[in-house]
């Protein structure tokens, strides 16, 4: 079985996230660092929401100090990134090389990006 890993905050789950997951989960501190705002829902609430959707087989949080450590622990075959994920993507290949991880990196296309983007859906 192929093990696929995705990363994301999934703060406001919308159709774009569901499409992304058909083809993950950031800590609160990561969202604050990357997106420069506090998430609407706590990391535990977001994990519950993702589990309730029933798409992901396994939902885990990354580590505060080393955001890439989880990749070495889970050793995925494929890492999927959203079309707009840029912050960790730049260093991803280098970090994988350091950890001797040979996962394939796939960047997925947007799903109706003019409609389904969390920053556009926030009130």
PDB file of N, CA and C in Angstrom:
ATOM      1  N   UNK A   1       0.841  -1.179   0.000  1.00  0.00           N
ATOM      2  CA  UNK A   1       0.000   0.000   0.000  1.00  0.00           C
ATOM      3  C   UNK A   1       0.887   1.243   0.000  1.00  0.00           C
ATOM      4  N   UNK A   2       0.528   2.206  -0.801  1.00  0.00           N
ATOM      5  CA  UNK A   2       1.264   3.462  -0.881  1.00  0.00           C
ATOM      6  C   UNK A   2       0.851   4.373   0.260  1.00  0.00           C
ATOM      7  N   UNK A   3       1.827   4.899   0.968  1.00  0.00           N
ATOM      8  CA  UNK A   3       1.562   5.815   2.086  1.00  0.00           C
ATOM      9  C   UNK A   3       1.737   7.247   1.589  1.00  0.00           C
ATOM     10  N   UNK A   4       0.654   8.019   1.674  1.00  0.00           N
ATOM     11  CA  UNK A   4       0.656   9.402   1.200  1.00  0.00           C
ATOM     12  C   UNK A   4       0.519  10.332   2.397  1.00  0.00           C
ATOM     13  N   UNK A   5       1.324  11.381   2.413  1.00  0.00           N
ATOM     14  CA  UNK A   5       1.281  12.360   3.501  1.00  0.00           C
ATOM     15  C   UNK A   5       0.928  13.720   2.918  1.00  0.00           C
ATOM     16  N   UNK A   6       0.057  14.424   3.628  1.00  0.00           N
ATOM     17  CA  UNK A   6      -0.264  15.801   3.255  1.00  0.00           C
ATOM     18  C   UNK A   6      -0.057  16.679   4.475  1.00  0.00           C
ATOM     19  N   UNK A   7       0.135  17.958   4.239  1.00  0.00           N
ATOM     20  CA  UNK A   7       0.293  18.925   5.315  1.00  0.00           C
ATOM     21  C   UNK A   7      -0.756  20.002   5.135  1.00  0.00           C
ATOM     22  N   UNK A   8      -1.268  20.512   6.229  1.00  0.00           N
ATOM     23  CA  UNK A   8      -2.208  21.614   6.113  1.00  0.00           C
ATOM     24  C   UNK A   8      -2.795  21.991   7.449  1.00  0.00           C
ATOM     25  N   UNK A   9      -3.327  23.190   7.522  1.00  0.00           N
ATOM     26  CA  UNK A   9      -3.961  23.640   8.771  1.00  0.00           C
ATOM     27  C   UNK A   9      -5.408  23.192   8.831  1.00  0.00           C
ATOM     28  N   UNK A  10      -6.106  23.176   7.707  1.00  0.00           N
ATOM     29  CA  UNK A  10      -7.496  22.737   7.630  1.00  0.00           C
ATOM     30  C   UNK A  10      -8.351  23.399   8.698  1.00  0.00           C
ATOM     31  N   UNK A  11      -8.158  24.703   8.849  1.00  0.00           N
ATOM     32  CA  UNK A  11      -8.865  25.463   9.882  1.00  0.00           C
ATOM     33  C   UNK A  11     -10.344  25.604   9.542  1.00  0.00           C
ATOM     34  N   UNK A  12     -10.649  26.003   8.346  1.00  0.00           N
ATOM     35  CA  UNK A  12     -12.031  26.066   7.869  1.00  0.00           C
ATOM     36  C   UNK A  12     -12.135  25.060   6.727  1.00  0.00           C
ATOM     37  N   UNK A  13     -12.669  23.880   7.008  1.00  0.00           N
ATOM     38  CA  UNK A  13     -12.736  22.839   5.981  1.00  0.00           C
ATOM     39  C   UNK A  13     -13.759  23.249   4.928  1.00  0.00           C
ATOM     40  N   UNK A  14     -13.332  23.241   3.668  1.00  0.00           N
ATOM     41  CA  UNK A  14     -14.221  23.588   2.563  1.00  0.00           C
ATOM     42  C   UNK A  14     -14.007  22.599   1.419  1.00  0.00           C
ATOM     43  N   UNK A  15     -14.773  22.742   0.356  1.00  0.00           N
ATOM     44  CA  UNK A  15     -14.730  21.802  -0.763  1.00  0.00           C
ATOM     45  C   UNK A  15     -13.332  21.668  -1.358  1.00  0.00           C
ATOM     46  N   UNK A  16     -12.565  22.745  -1.354  1.00  0.00           N
ATOM     47  CA  UNK A  16     -11.195  22.666  -1.861  1.00  0.00           C
ATOM     48  C   UNK A  16     -10.338  21.710  -1.045  1.00  0.00           C
ATOM     49  N   UNK A  17     -10.497  21.743   0.280  1.00  0.00           N
ATOM     50  CA  UNK A  17      -9.767  20.804   1.140  1.00  0.00           C
ATOM     51  C   UNK A  17     -10.207  19.372   0.860  1.00  0.00           C
ATOM     52  N   UNK A  18     -11.504  19.161   0.729  1.00  0.00           N
ATOM     53  CA  UNK A  18     -12.012  17.809   0.493  1.00  0.00           C
ATOM     54  C   UNK A  18     -11.483  17.257  -0.824  1.00  0.00           C
ATOM     55  N   UNK A  19     -11.458  18.077  -1.842  1.00  0.00           N
ATOM     56  CA  UNK A  19     -10.899  17.640  -3.119  1.00  0.00           C
ATOM     57  C   UNK A  19      -9.408  17.348  -2.980  1.00  0.00           C
ATOM     58  N   UNK A  20      -8.701  18.181  -2.252  1.00  0.00           N
ATOM     59  CA  UNK A  20      -7.274  17.968  -2.006  1.00  0.00           C
ATOM     60  C   UNK A  20      -7.050  16.628  -1.308  1.00  0.00           C
ATOM     61  N   UNK A  21      -7.869  16.319  -0.308  1.00  0.00           N
ATOM     62  CA  UNK A  21      -7.685  15.085   0.447  1.00  0.00           C
ATOM     63  C   UNK A  21      -8.102  13.850  -0.336  1.00  0.00           C
ATOM     64  N   UNK A  22      -9.011  14.005  -1.275  1.00  0.00           N
ATOM     65  CA  UNK A  22      -9.378  12.877  -2.123  1.00  0.00           C
ATOM     66  C   UNK A  22      -8.235  12.548  -3.064  1.00  0.00           C
ATOM     67  N   UNK A  23      -7.610  13.430  -3.538  1.00  0.00           N
ATOM     68  CA  UNK A  23      -6.479  13.197  -4.469  1.00  0.00           C
ATOM     69  C   UNK A  23      -5.288  12.941  -3.567  1.00  0.00           C
ATOM     70  N   UNK A  24      -4.336  16.101   6.159  1.00  0.00           N
ATOM     71  CA  UNK A  24      -3.250  16.600   6.914  1.00  0.00           C
ATOM     72  C   UNK A  24      -3.721  17.553   8.015  1.00  0.00           C
ATOM     73  N   UNK A  25      -2.521  18.118   8.837  1.00  0.00           N
ATOM     74  CA  UNK A  25      -3.090  18.915   9.932  1.00  0.00           C
ATOM     75  C   UNK A  25      -1.979  19.655  10.678  1.00  0.00           C
ATOM     76  N   UNK A  26      -1.964  20.963  10.616  1.00  0.00           N
ATOM     77  CA  UNK A  26      -0.902  21.769  11.235  1.00  0.00           C
ATOM     78  C   UNK A  26      -1.219  22.111  12.687  1.00  0.00           C
ATOM     79  N   UNK A  27      -0.188  22.284  13.467  1.00  0.00           N
ATOM     80  CA  UNK A  27      -0.351  22.725  14.856  1.00  0.00           C
ATOM     81  C   UNK A  27      -0.739  24.195  14.875  1.00  0.00           C
ATOM     82  N   UNK A  28      -1.374  24.611  15.978  1.00  0.00           N
ATOM     83  CA  UNK A  28      -1.752  26.016  16.137  1.00  0.00           C
ATOM     84  C   UNK A  28      -0.539  26.925  15.971  1.00  0.00           C
ATOM     85  N   UNK A  29       0.582  26.545  16.590  1.00  0.00           N
ATOM     86  CA  UNK A  29       1.783  27.388  16.528  1.00  0.00           C
ATOM     87  C   UNK A  29       2.310  27.518  15.100  1.00  0.00           C
ATOM     88  N   UNK A  30       2.144  26.473  14.301  1.00  0.00           N
ATOM     89  CA  UNK A  30       2.579  26.527  12.907  1.00  0.00           C
ATOM     90  C   UNK A  30       1.704  27.489  12.114  1.00  0.00           C
ATOM     91  N   UNK A  31       0.405  27.441  12.351  1.00  0.00           N
ATOM     92  CA  UNK A  31      -0.509  28.358  11.661  1.00  0.00           C
ATOM     93  C   UNK A  31      -0.160  29.796  12.024  1.00  0.00           C
ATOM     94  N   UNK A  32       0.077  30.028  13.309  1.00  0.00           N
ATOM     95  CA  UNK A  32       0.415  31.384  13.754  1.00  0.00           C
ATOM     96  C   UNK A  32       1.715  31.862  13.111  1.00  0.00           C
ATOM     97  N   UNK A  33       2.681  30.959  12.991  1.00  0.00           N
ATOM     98  CA  UNK A  33       3.974  31.310  12.393  1.00  0.00           C
ATOM     99  C   UNK A  33       3.855  31.546  10.889  1.00  0.00           C
ATOM    100  N   UNK A  34       3.166  30.655  10.207  1.00  0.00           N
ATOM    101  CA  UNK A  34       3.091  30.708   8.753  1.00  0.00           C
ATOM    102  C   UNK A  34       2.058  31.713   8.254  1.00  0.00           C
ATOM    103  N   UNK A  35       0.873  31.666   8.835  1.00  0.00           N
ATOM    104  CA  UNK A  35      -0.223  32.502   8.331  1.00  0.00           C
ATOM    105  C   UNK A  35      -0.390  33.805   9.098  1.00  0.00           C
ATOM    106  N   UNK A  36       0.360  33.949  10.176  1.00  0.00           N
ATOM    107  CA  UNK A  36       0.351  35.191  10.971  1.00  0.00           C
ATOM    108  C   UNK A  36      -1.007  35.504  11.597  1.00  0.00           C
ATOM    109  N   UNK A  37      -1.758  34.465  11.949  1.00  0.00           N
ATOM    110  CA  UNK A  37      -3.009  34.667  12.686  1.00  0.00           C
ATOM    111  C   UNK A  37      -3.326  33.415  13.493  1.00  0.00           C
ATOM    112  N   UNK A  38      -4.172  33.582  14.478  1.00  0.00           N
ATOM    113  CA  UNK A  38      -4.608  32.460  15.302  1.00  0.00           C
ATOM    114  C   UNK A  38      -5.691  31.703  14.546  1.00  0.00           C
ATOM    115  N   UNK A  39      -5.647  30.363  14.547  1.00  0.00           N
ATOM    116  CA  UNK A  39      -6.681  29.617  13.840  1.00  0.00           C
ATOM    117  C   UNK A  39      -8.059  29.810  14.477  1.00  0.00           C
ATOM    118  N   UNK A  40      -9.089  29.654  13.677  1.00  0.00           N
ATOM    119  CA  UNK A  40     -10.462  29.767  14.160  1.00  0.00           C
ATOM    120  C   UNK A  40     -10.778  28.640  15.136  1.00  0.00           C
ATOM    121  N   UNK A  41     -10.366  27.422  14.792  1.00  0.00           N
ATOM    122  CA  UNK A  41     -10.589  26.245  15.627  1.00  0.00           C
ATOM    123  C   UNK A  41      -9.255  25.755  16.182  1.00  0.00           C
ATOM    124  N   UNK A  42      -9.278  25.164  17.368  1.00  0.00           N
ATOM    125  CA  UNK A  42      -8.052  24.632  17.974  1.00  0.00           C
ATOM    126  C   UNK A  42      -7.559  23.429  17.173  1.00  0.00           C
ATOM    127  N   UNK A  43      -6.305  23.055  17.377  1.00  0.00           N
ATOM    128  CA  UNK A  43      -5.760  21.905  16.655  1.00  0.00           C
ATOM    129  C   UNK A  43      -6.544  20.635  16.967  1.00  0.00           C
ATOM    130  N   UNK A  44      -6.990  20.463  18.206  1.00  0.00           N
ATOM    131  CA  UNK A  44      -7.777  19.274  18.549  1.00  0.00           C
ATOM    132  C   UNK A  44      -9.133  19.283  17.849  1.00  0.00           C
ATOM    133  N   UNK A  45      -9.753  20.456  17.771  1.00  0.00           N
ATOM    134  CA  UNK A  45     -11.035  20.559  17.058  1.00  0.00           C
ATOM    135  C   UNK A  45     -10.845  20.265  15.570  1.00  0.00           C
ATOM    136  N   UNK A  46      -9.770  20.782  14.985  1.00  0.00           N
ATOM    137  CA  UNK A  46      -9.517  20.530  13.568  1.00  0.00           C
ATOM    138  C   UNK A  46      -9.266  19.051  13.319  1.00  0.00           C
ATOM    139  N   UNK A  47      -8.578  18.404  14.232  1.00  0.00           N
ATOM    140  CA  UNK A  47      -8.335  16.965  14.091  1.00  0.00           C
ATOM    141  C   UNK A  47      -9.658  16.204  14.124  1.00  0.00           C
ATOM    142  N   UNK A  48     -10.544  16.582  15.042  1.00  0.00           N
ATOM    143  CA  UNK A  48     -11.871  15.955  15.117  1.00  0.00           C
ATOM    144  C   UNK A  48     -12.653  16.184  13.826  1.00  0.00           C
ATOM    145  N   UNK A  49     -12.590  17.391  13.287  1.00  0.00           N
ATOM    146  CA  UNK A  49     -13.301  17.704  12.043  1.00  0.00           C
ATOM    147  C   UNK A  49     -12.788  16.830  10.899  1.00  0.00           C
ATOM    148  N   UNK A  50     -11.467  16.702  10.809  1.00  0.00           N
ATOM    149  CA  UNK A  50     -10.885  15.891   9.737  1.00  0.00           C
ATOM    150  C   UNK A  50     -11.277  14.422   9.893  1.00  0.00           C
ATOM    151  N   UNK A  51     -11.270  13.931  11.127  1.00  0.00           N
ATOM    152  CA  UNK A  51     -11.660  12.539  11.369  1.00  0.00           C
ATOM    153  C   UNK A  51     -13.129  12.325  11.008  1.00  0.00           C
ATOM    154  N   UNK A  52     -13.972  13.302  11.323  1.00  0.00           N
ATOM    155  CA  UNK A  52     -15.407  13.192  11.048  1.00  0.00           C
ATOM    156  C   UNK A  52     -15.691  13.133   9.551  1.00  0.00           C
ATOM    157  N   UNK A  53     -14.871  13.799   8.765  1.00  0.00           N
ATOM    158  CA  UNK A  53     -15.056  13.784   7.317  1.00  0.00           C
ATOM    159  C   UNK A  53     -14.825  12.374   6.773  1.00  0.00           C
ATOM    160  N   UNK A  54     -13.928  11.620   7.416  1.00  0.00           N
ATOM    161  CA  UNK A  54     -13.720  10.221   7.055  1.00  0.00           C
ATOM    162  C   UNK A  54     -12.828   9.972   5.849  1.00  0.00           C
ATOM    163  N   UNK A  55     -12.068  10.955   5.421  1.00  0.00           N
ATOM    164  CA  UNK A  55     -11.215  10.774   4.243  1.00  0.00           C
ATOM    165  C   UNK A  55      -9.828  10.273   4.630  1.00  0.00           C
ATOM    166  N   UNK A  56      -9.267  10.797   5.698  1.00  0.00           N
ATOM    167  CA  UNK A  56      -7.908  10.426   6.112  1.00  0.00           C
ATOM    168  C   UNK A  56      -7.930   9.163   6.971  1.00  0.00           C
ATOM    169  N   UNK A  57      -6.989   8.267   6.720  1.00  0.00           N
ATOM    170  CA  UNK A  57      -6.883   7.047   7.516  1.00  0.00           C
ATOM    171  C   UNK A  57      -6.188   7.291   8.842  1.00  0.00           C
ATOM    172  N   UNK A  58      -5.285   8.250   8.860  1.00  0.00           N
ATOM    173  CA  UNK A  58      -4.477   8.491  10.054  1.00  0.00           C
ATOM    174  C   UNK A  58      -4.187   9.984  10.121  1.00  0.00           C
ATOM    175  N   UNK A  59      -4.491  10.605  11.247  1.00  0.00           N
ATOM    176  CA  UNK A  59      -4.283  12.044  11.403  1.00  0.00           C
ATOM    177  C   UNK A  59      -3.330  12.268  12.566  1.00  0.00           C
ATOM    178  N   UNK A  60      -2.217  12.926  12.298  1.00  0.00           N
ATOM    179  CA  UNK A  60      -1.237  13.196  13.349  1.00  0.00           C
ATOM    180  C   UNK A  60      -0.787  14.650  13.272  1.00  0.00           C
ATOM    181  N   UNK A  61      -0.343  15.164  14.399  1.00  0.00           N
ATOM    182  CA  UNK A  61       0.244  16.494  14.439  1.00  0.00           C
ATOM    183  C   UNK A  61       1.740  16.369  14.229  1.00  0.00           C
ATOM    184  N   UNK A  62       2.324  17.387  13.644  1.00  0.00           N
ATOM    185  CA  UNK A  62       3.772  17.453  13.529  1.00  0.00           C
ATOM    186  C   UNK A  62       4.366  17.905  14.852  1.00  0.00           C
ATOM    187  N   UNK A  63       5.667  18.110  14.862  1.00  0.00           N
ATOM    188  CA  UNK A  63       6.369  18.504  16.081  1.00  0.00           C
ATOM    189  C   UNK A  63       6.626  20.009  16.078  1.00  0.00           C
ATOM    190  N   UNK A  64       6.529  20.618  17.246  1.00  0.00           N
ATOM    191  CA  UNK A  64       6.730  22.064  17.358  1.00  0.00           C
ATOM    192  C   UNK A  64       8.135  22.481  16.914  1.00  0.00           C
ATOM    193  N   UNK A  65       9.142  21.827  17.432  1.00  0.00           N
ATOM    194  CA  UNK A  65      10.523  22.261  17.211  1.00  0.00           C
ATOM    195  C   UNK A  65      11.053  21.908  15.819  1.00  0.00           C
ATOM    196  N   UNK A  66      10.615  20.793  15.268  1.00  0.00           N
ATOM    197  CA  UNK A  66      11.125  20.325  13.980  1.00  0.00           C
ATOM    198  C   UNK A  66       9.945  19.896  13.118  1.00  0.00           C
ATOM    199  N   UNK A  67       9.516  20.773  12.260  1.00  0.00           N
ATOM    200  CA  UNK A  67       8.318  20.539  11.456  1.00  0.00           C
ATOM    201  C   UNK A  67       8.483  19.381  10.462  1.00  0.00           C
ATOM    202  N   UNK A  68       9.712  19.021  10.143  1.00  0.00           N
ATOM    203  CA  UNK A  68       9.964  17.958   9.170  1.00  0.00           C
ATOM    204  C   UNK A  68      10.160  16.586   9.830  1.00  0.00           C
ATOM    205  N   UNK A  69      10.306  16.547  11.133  1.00  0.00           N
ATOM    206  CA  UNK A  69      10.591  15.294  11.849  1.00  0.00           C
ATOM    207  C   UNK A  69       9.538  14.216  11.587  1.00  0.00           C
ATOM    208  N   UNK A  70       8.289  14.620  11.490  1.00  0.00           N
ATOM    209  CA  UNK A  70       7.204  13.663  11.285  1.00  0.00           C
ATOM    210  C   UNK A  70       7.381  12.881   9.977  1.00  0.00           C
ATOM    211  N   UNK A  71       8.011  13.499   8.991  1.00  0.00           N
ATOM    212  CA  UNK A  71       8.247  12.806   7.719  1.00  0.00           C
ATOM    213  C   UNK A  71       9.190  11.626   7.940  1.00  0.00           C
ATOM    214  N   UNK A  72      10.233  11.830   8.732  1.00  0.00           N
ATOM    215  CA  UNK A  72      11.164  10.750   9.037  1.00  0.00           C
ATOM    216  C   UNK A  72      10.522   9.648   9.857  1.00  0.00           C
ATOM    217  N   UNK A  73       9.603  10.016  10.725  1.00  0.00           N
ATOM    218  CA  UNK A  73       8.927   9.019  11.562  1.00  0.00           C
ATOM    219  C   UNK A  73       7.938   8.171  10.761  1.00  0.00           C
ATOM    220  N   UNK A  74       7.203   8.801   9.861  1.00  0.00           N
ATOM    221  CA  UNK A  74       6.164   8.080   9.116  1.00  0.00           C
ATOM    222  C   UNK A  74       6.645   7.545   7.769  1.00  0.00           C
ATOM    223  N   UNK A  75       7.717   8.109   7.247  1.00  0.00           N
ATOM    224  CA  UNK A  75       8.350   7.664   6.002  1.00  0.00           C
ATOM    225  C   UNK A  75       7.340   7.399   4.879  1.00  0.00           C
ATOM    226  N   UNK A  76       6.680   8.448   4.419  1.00  0.00           N
ATOM    227  CA  UNK A  76       5.690   8.269   3.352  1.00  0.00           C
ATOM    228  C   UNK A  76       6.340   7.952   2.008  1.00  0.00           C
ATOM    229  N   UNK A  77       5.544   7.399   1.111  1.00  0.00           N
ATOM    230  CA  UNK A  77       5.999   7.148  -0.255  1.00  0.00           C
ATOM    231  C   UNK A  77       5.808   8.394  -1.121  1.00  0.00           C
ATOM    232  N   UNK A  78       4.758   9.148  -0.804  1.00  0.00           N
ATOM    233  CA  UNK A  78       4.405  10.348  -1.567  1.00  0.00           C
ATOM    234  C   UNK A  78       4.048  11.457  -0.586  1.00  0.00           C
ATOM    235  N   UNK A  79       4.480  12.673  -0.880  1.00  0.00           N
ATOM    236  CA  UNK A  79       4.073  13.849  -0.104  1.00  0.00           C
ATOM    237  C   UNK A  79       3.327  14.766  -1.064  1.00  0.00           C
ATOM    238  N   UNK A  80       2.054  15.036  -0.745  1.00  0.00           N
ATOM    239  CA  UNK A  80       1.236  15.917  -1.584  1.00  0.00           C
ATOM    240  C   UNK A  80       1.194  17.303  -0.968  1.00  0.00           C
ATOM    241  N   UNK A  81       1.407  18.288  -1.799  1.00  0.00           N
ATOM    242  CA  UNK A  81       1.328  19.683  -1.376  1.00  0.00           C
ATOM    243  C   UNK A  81       0.211  20.368  -2.147  1.00  0.00           C
ATOM    244  N   UNK A  82      -0.470  21.265  -1.487  1.00  0.00           N
ATOM    245  CA  UNK A  82      -1.484  22.062  -2.160  1.00  0.00           C
ATOM    246  C   UNK A  82      -0.828  23.062  -3.091  1.00  0.00           C
ATOM    247  N   UNK A  83      -1.597  23.554  -4.035  1.00  0.00           N
ATOM    248  CA  UNK A  83      -1.064  24.483  -5.033  1.00  0.00           C
ATOM    249  C   UNK A  83      -0.500  25.754  -4.410  1.00  0.00           C
ATOM    250  N   UNK A  84      -1.015  26.130  -3.223  1.00  0.00           N
ATOM    251  CA  UNK A  84      -0.590  27.392  -2.608  1.00  0.00           C
ATOM    252  C   UNK A  84       0.309  27.204  -1.391  1.00  0.00           C
ATOM    253  N   UNK A  85       0.749  25.977  -1.131  1.00  0.00           N
ATOM    254  CA  UNK A  85       1.647  25.726   0.002  1.00  0.00           C
ATOM    255  C   UNK A  85       3.073  26.051  -0.410  1.00  0.00           C
ATOM    256  N   UNK A  86       3.632  27.076   0.205  1.00  0.00           N
ATOM    257  CA  UNK A  86       4.976  27.501  -0.184  1.00  0.00           C
ATOM    258  C   UNK A  86       5.975  27.492   0.972  1.00  0.00           C
ATOM    259  N   UNK A  87       5.513  27.746   2.169  1.00  0.00           N
ATOM    260  CA  UNK A  87       6.413  27.963   3.297  1.00  0.00           C
ATOM    261  C   UNK A  87       7.351  26.789   3.539  1.00  0.00           C
ATOM    262  N   UNK A  88       6.840  25.586   3.674  1.00  0.00           N
ATOM    263  CA  UNK A  88       7.697  24.437   3.965  1.00  0.00           C
ATOM    264  C   UNK A  88       8.209  23.765   2.702  1.00  0.00           C
ATOM    265  N   UNK A  89       7.588  24.045   1.583  1.00  0.00           N
ATOM    266  CA  UNK A  89       7.957  23.383   0.341  1.00  0.00           C
ATOM    267  C   UNK A  89       9.375  23.719  -0.101  1.00  0.00           C
ATOM    268  N   UNK A  90       9.808  24.947   0.130  1.00  0.00           N
ATOM    269  CA  UNK A  90      11.136  25.360  -0.321  1.00  0.00           C
ATOM    270  C   UNK A  90      12.250  24.513   0.285  1.00  0.00           C
ATOM    271  N   UNK A  91      12.126  24.153   1.535  1.00  0.00           N
ATOM    272  CA  UNK A  91      13.175  23.384   2.221  1.00  0.00           C
ATOM    273  C   UNK A  91      12.880  21.884   2.265  1.00  0.00           C
ATOM    274  N   UNK A  92      11.740  21.479   1.733  1.00  0.00           N
ATOM    275  CA  UNK A  92      11.312  20.088   1.860  1.00  0.00           C
ATOM    276  C   UNK A  92      12.305  19.100   1.252  1.00  0.00           C
ATOM    277  N   UNK A  93      12.722  19.322   0.025  1.00  0.00           N
ATOM    278  CA  UNK A  93      13.647  18.382  -0.620  1.00  0.00           C
ATOM    279  C   UNK A  93      14.958  18.273   0.146  1.00  0.00           C
ATOM    280  N   UNK A  94      15.480  19.387   0.607  1.00  0.00           N
ATOM    281  CA  UNK A  94      16.731  19.379   1.375  1.00  0.00           C
ATOM    282  C   UNK A  94      16.560  18.596   2.679  1.00  0.00           C
ATOM    283  N   UNK A  95      15.461  18.820   3.367  1.00  0.00           N
ATOM    284  CA  UNK A  95      15.199  18.110   4.626  1.00  0.00           C
ATOM    285  C   UNK A  95      15.020  16.614   4.384  1.00  0.00           C
ATOM    286  N   UNK A  96      14.351  16.262   3.298  1.00  0.00           N
ATOM    287  CA  UNK A  96      14.179  14.841   2.977  1.00  0.00           C
ATOM    288  C   UNK A  96      15.528  14.192   2.696  1.00  0.00           C
ATOM    289  N   UNK A  97      16.383  14.885   1.985  1.00  0.00           N
ATOM    290  CA  UNK A  97      17.709  14.365   1.672  1.00  0.00           C
ATOM    291  C   UNK A  97      18.515  14.131   2.947  1.00  0.00           C
ATOM    292  N   UNK A  98      18.473  15.093   3.876  1.00  0.00           N
ATOM    293  CA  UNK A  98      19.182  14.962   5.157  1.00  0.00           C
ATOM    294  C   UNK A  98      18.723  13.731   5.928  1.00  0.00           C
ATOM    295  N   UNK A  99      17.451  13.399   5.787  1.00  0.00           N
ATOM    296  CA  UNK A  99      16.854  12.304   6.563  1.00  0.00           C
ATOM    297  C   UNK A  99      16.772  11.000   5.768  1.00  0.00           C
ATOM    298  N   UNK A 100      17.364  11.015   4.574  1.00  0.00           N
ATOM    299  CA  UNK A 100      17.376   9.834   3.715  1.00  0.00           C
ATOM    300  C   UNK A 100      15.956   9.344   3.397  1.00  0.00           C
ATOM    301  N   UNK A 101      15.111  10.277   3.007  1.00  0.00           N
ATOM    302  CA  UNK A 101      13.727   9.965   2.655  1.00  0.00           C
ATOM    303  C   UNK A 101      13.577  10.175   1.153  1.00  0.00           C
ATOM    304  N   UNK A 102      13.082   9.150   0.479  1.00  0.00           N
ATOM    305  CA  UNK A 102      12.986   9.203  -0.980  1.00  0.00           C
ATOM    306  C   UNK A 102      11.553   9.376  -1.472  1.00  0.00           C
ATOM    307  N   UNK A 103      10.702   9.980  -0.690  1.00  0.00           N
ATOM    308  CA  UNK A 103       9.307  10.167  -1.094  1.00  0.00           C
ATOM    309  C   UNK A 103       9.220  11.063  -2.324  1.00  0.00           C
ATOM    310  N   UNK A 104       8.234  10.782  -3.147  1.00  0.00           N
ATOM    311  CA  UNK A 104       7.966  11.623  -4.317  1.00  0.00           C
ATOM    312  C   UNK A 104       7.121  12.804  -3.860  1.00  0.00           C
ATOM    313  N   UNK A 105       7.451  13.999  -4.325  1.00  0.00           N
ATOM    314  CA  UNK A 105       6.684  15.201  -3.981  1.00  0.00           C
ATOM    315  C   UNK A 105       5.755  15.531  -5.146  1.00  0.00           C
ATOM    316  N   UNK A 106       4.478  15.677  -4.824  1.00  0.00           N
ATOM    317  CA  UNK A 106       3.469  15.981  -5.838  1.00  0.00           C
ATOM    318  C   UNK A 106       2.746  17.254  -5.423  1.00  0.00           C
ATOM    319  N   UNK A 107       2.674  18.210  -6.321  1.00  0.00           N
ATOM    320  CA  UNK A 107       1.917  19.441  -6.050  1.00  0.00           C
ATOM    321  C   UNK A 107       0.596  19.332  -6.804  1.00  0.00           C
ATOM    322  N   UNK A 108      -0.500  19.386  -6.043  1.00  0.00           N
ATOM    323  CA  UNK A 108      -1.820  19.237  -6.642  1.00  0.00           C
ATOM    324  C   UNK A 108      -2.331  20.555  -7.200  1.00  0.00           C
ATOM    325  N   UNK A 109      -3.220  20.447  -8.156  1.00  0.00           N
ATOM    326  CA  UNK A 109      -3.805  21.633  -8.784  1.00  0.00           C
ATOM    327  C   UNK A 109      -4.928  22.179  -7.910  1.00  0.00           C
ATOM    328  N   UNK A 110      -5.227  23.464  -8.042  1.00  0.00           N
ATOM    329  CA  UNK A 110      -6.302  24.057  -7.237  1.00  0.00           C
ATOM    330  C   UNK A 110      -7.675  23.550  -7.666  1.00  0.00           C
ATOM    331  N   UNK A 111      -8.595  23.567  -6.727  1.00  0.00           N
ATOM    332  CA  UNK A 111      -9.984  23.229  -6.993  1.00  0.00           C
ATOM    333  C   UNK A 111     -10.797  24.505  -6.826  1.00  0.00           C
ATOM    334  N   UNK A 112     -11.229  25.075  -7.924  1.00  0.00           N
ATOM    335  CA  UNK A 112     -12.034  26.300  -7.898  1.00  0.00           C
ATOM    336  C   UNK A 112     -11.434  27.340  -6.953  1.00  0.00           C
ATOM    337  N   UNK A 113     -10.166  27.684  -7.203  1.00  0.00           N
ATOM    338  CA  UNK A 113      -9.410  28.553  -6.291  1.00  0.00           C
ATOM    339  C   UNK A 113     -10.021  29.934  -6.088  1.00  0.00           C
ATOM    340  N   UNK A 114     -10.815  30.397  -7.013  1.00  0.00           N
ATOM    341  CA  UNK A 114     -11.446  31.713  -6.852  1.00  0.00           C
ATOM    342  C   UNK A 114     -12.591  31.657  -5.838  1.00  0.00           C
ATOM    343  N   UNK A 115     -13.097  30.447  -5.580  1.00  0.00           N
ATOM    344  CA  UNK A 115     -14.212  30.269  -4.638  1.00  0.00           C
ATOM    345  C   UNK A 115     -13.733  29.674  -3.321  1.00  0.00           C
ATOM    346  N   UNK A 116     -12.979  28.560  -3.409  1.00  0.00           N
ATOM    347  CA  UNK A 116     -12.605  27.808  -2.216  1.00  0.00           C
ATOM    348  C   UNK A 116     -11.174  28.081  -1.800  1.00  0.00           C
ATOM    349  N   UNK A 117     -11.006  29.103  -1.021  1.00  0.00           N
ATOM    350  CA  UNK A 117      -9.715  29.450  -0.427  1.00  0.00           C
ATOM    351  C   UNK A 117     -10.040  29.981   0.959  1.00  0.00           C
ATOM    352  N   UNK A 118      -9.435  29.398   1.987  1.00  0.00           N
ATOM    353  CA  UNK A 118      -9.787  29.753   3.371  1.00  0.00           C
ATOM    354  C   UNK A 118      -9.733  31.250   3.621  1.00  0.00           C
ATOM    355  N   UNK A 119      -8.733  31.918   3.068  1.00  0.00           N
ATOM    356  CA  UNK A 119      -8.608  33.360   3.315  1.00  0.00           C
ATOM    357  C   UNK A 119      -9.787  34.135   2.728  1.00  0.00           C
ATOM    358  N   UNK A 120     -10.423  33.604   1.702  1.00  0.00           N
ATOM    359  CA  UNK A 120     -11.588  34.268   1.116  1.00  0.00           C
ATOM    360  C   UNK A 120     -12.870  33.933   1.867  1.00  0.00           C
ATOM    361  N   UNK A 121     -12.865  32.820   2.593  1.00  0.00           N
ATOM    362  CA  UNK A 121     -14.070  32.377   3.284  1.00  0.00           C
ATOM    363  C   UNK A 121     -14.196  32.934   4.689  1.00  0.00           C
ATOM    364  N   UNK A 122     -13.108  33.447   5.253  1.00  0.00           N
ATOM    365  CA  UNK A 122     -13.150  33.984   6.621  1.00  0.00           C
ATOM    366  C   UNK A 122     -13.987  35.243   6.685  1.00  0.00           C
ATOM    367  N   UNK A 123     -14.710  35.356   7.769  1.00  0.00           N
ATOM    368  CA  UNK A 123     -15.580  36.528   7.976  1.00  0.00           C
ATOM    369  C   UNK A 123     -14.823  37.583   8.746  1.00  0.00           C
TER     370      UNK A 123
END
